[in-house]
Protein backbone atom coordinates (compact mmCIF):
# COMPACT_ATOMS: atom_id res chain seq x y z
CA MET A 1 0.00 0.00 0.00
CA PHE A 2 2.87 2.37 0.70
CA LYS A 3 4.22 1.98 -2.83
CA LYS A 4 0.85 2.78 -4.34
CA VAL A 5 0.43 5.91 -2.24
CA ALA A 6 4.00 7.02 -2.97
CA ASN A 7 3.57 6.43 -6.71
CA THR A 8 0.32 8.38 -6.74
CA THR A 9 1.89 11.29 -4.90
CA ILE A 10 4.91 11.38 -7.19
CA ALA A 11 2.74 11.13 -10.31
CA LEU A 12 0.53 14.00 -9.20
CA ALA A 13 3.57 16.10 -8.32
CA LEU A 14 5.14 15.52 -11.74
CA VAL A 15 1.94 16.33 -13.63
CA ALA A 16 1.37 19.52 -11.65
CA GLY A 17 5.02 20.51 -12.02
CA ALA A 18 4.97 19.89 -15.75
CA ALA A 19 1.84 21.99 -16.17
CA LEU A 20 3.33 24.92 -14.23
CA THR A 21 6.68 24.55 -15.95
CA THR A 22 5.25 24.72 -19.47
CA GLN A 23 3.24 27.80 -18.62
CA THR A 24 6.24 29.68 -17.21
CA GLN A 25 8.59 28.60 -20.02
CA SER A 26 6.28 29.81 -22.72
CA ALA A 27 5.74 33.19 -20.97
CA ASN A 28 9.39 34.07 -20.24
CA ALA A 29 11.97 31.61 -21.47
CA ALA A 30 14.84 34.01 -20.78
CA GLU A 31 14.42 33.99 -17.02
CA GLY A 32 15.64 30.61 -15.80
CA TRP A 33 14.67 31.04 -12.19
CA GLN A 34 10.96 30.97 -13.09
CA VAL A 35 11.38 27.45 -14.39
CA GLY A 36 12.79 26.34 -11.07
CA VAL A 37 9.98 28.07 -9.21
CA GLY A 38 7.46 26.35 -11.45
CA ILE A 39 8.98 22.95 -10.86
CA ALA A 40 9.21 23.51 -7.12
CA GLY A 41 5.65 24.83 -6.98
CA GLY A 42 4.40 21.90 -9.04
CA LEU A 43 6.14 19.41 -6.81
CA ALA A 44 4.76 21.10 -3.71
CA ALA A 45 1.24 21.25 -5.14
CA GLY A 46 1.45 17.64 -6.25
CA ALA A 47 2.71 16.53 -2.86
CA ILE A 48 -0.10 18.37 -1.10
CA LEU A 49 -2.73 17.07 -3.51
CA GLY A 50 -1.34 13.56 -3.43
CA SER A 51 -1.21 13.40 0.35
CA ALA A 52 -4.75 14.79 0.60
CA LEU A 53 -6.09 12.25 -1.87
CA SER A 54 -4.22 9.32 -0.37
CA GLN A 55 -5.61 9.73 3.16
CA PRO A 56 -7.46 6.61 4.27
CA ARG A 57 -11.17 7.07 4.41
CA TYR A 58 -13.27 5.48 7.14
CA VAL A 59 -15.64 2.88 5.82
CA ALA A 60 -18.10 1.55 8.36
CA PRO A 61 -18.09 -2.23 8.69
CA PRO A 62 -21.23 -4.02 7.61
CA PRO A 63 -23.74 -4.55 10.39
CA ALA A 64 -23.23 -7.77 12.28
CA TYR A 65 -25.84 -10.44 11.80
CA TYR A 66 -26.71 -12.42 14.86
CA PRO A 67 -29.42 -14.99 14.32
CA ALA A 68 -31.97 -15.33 17.08
CA PRO A 69 -31.18 -18.20 19.45
CA ALA A 70 -33.31 -21.27 19.26
CA PRO A 71 -36.10 -21.29 21.83
CA VAL A 72 -35.43 -23.37 24.90
CA VAL A 73 -38.10 -25.97 25.39
CA SER A 74 -38.31 -27.72 28.70
CA TYR A 75 -40.67 -30.64 28.49
CA ARG A 76 -42.27 -31.84 31.65
CA PRO A 77 -45.12 -34.28 31.53
CA ALA A 78 -48.47 -33.43 33.11
CA PRO A 79 -48.78 -34.55 36.76
CA TRP A 80 -50.30 -37.97 37.45
CA SER A 81 -49.81 -39.17 33.88
CA PRO A 82 -47.81 -42.35 33.11
CA ALA A 83 -45.03 -40.23 31.58
CA TRP A 84 -44.95 -38.13 34.77
CA TYR A 85 -44.55 -41.26 36.92
CA ASN A 86 -41.67 -42.46 34.73
CA TYR A 87 -39.97 -39.04 34.71
CA CYS A 88 -40.13 -38.49 38.48
CA SER A 89 -39.15 -42.04 39.41
CA ARG A 90 -36.09 -41.85 37.15
CA LYS A 91 -35.07 -38.36 38.28
CA TYR A 92 -35.54 -38.79 42.05
CA ARG A 93 -34.74 -41.97 43.92
CA SER A 94 -36.88 -40.90 46.88
CA PHE A 95 -39.98 -40.28 44.73
CA ASN A 96 -43.18 -41.63 46.27
CA PRO A 97 -45.70 -42.47 43.50
CA ASN A 98 -48.62 -42.50 45.94
CA THR A 99 -48.13 -38.89 47.07
CA GLY A 100 -46.13 -37.40 44.13
CA TYR A 101 -43.47 -36.02 46.49
CA PHE A 102 -39.75 -36.69 46.80
CA LEU A 103 -37.26 -35.98 49.58
CA ALA A 104 -35.06 -33.02 48.60
CA TYR A 105 -31.49 -32.39 49.78
CA SER A 106 -32.85 -29.72 52.13
CA GLY A 107 -34.75 -32.42 54.02
CA GLN A 108 -38.17 -31.22 52.94
CA TYR A 109 -40.60 -33.12 50.77
CA THR A 110 -41.21 -31.44 47.42
CA PHE A 111 -43.85 -32.14 44.80
CA CYS A 112 -42.41 -33.44 41.55
CA ARG A 113 -43.22 -31.13 38.65
């Protein structure tokens, strides 16, 4: 990227210098110092123009796309159904099918949901 910017700056400086040089040479060819001023002015103008045009421009990144997360489905069978009996008896060893409660770690009996 540096080479491209440098080449652009140099090219613009040479074009501007050549344009100013040809104008001053055709007006007064006898005065040699005007040619040098034209070249120096062209190089300066080209350098300024080239550096102004080669500045990086901010381009906003495209908006991020985040798909919506899949819904979380927690399936629990309806109480007192055969699936509920199977679920609770597998999940809790202390499940009592007659009452629907199990003994929790806190020491209290809790209804299986």
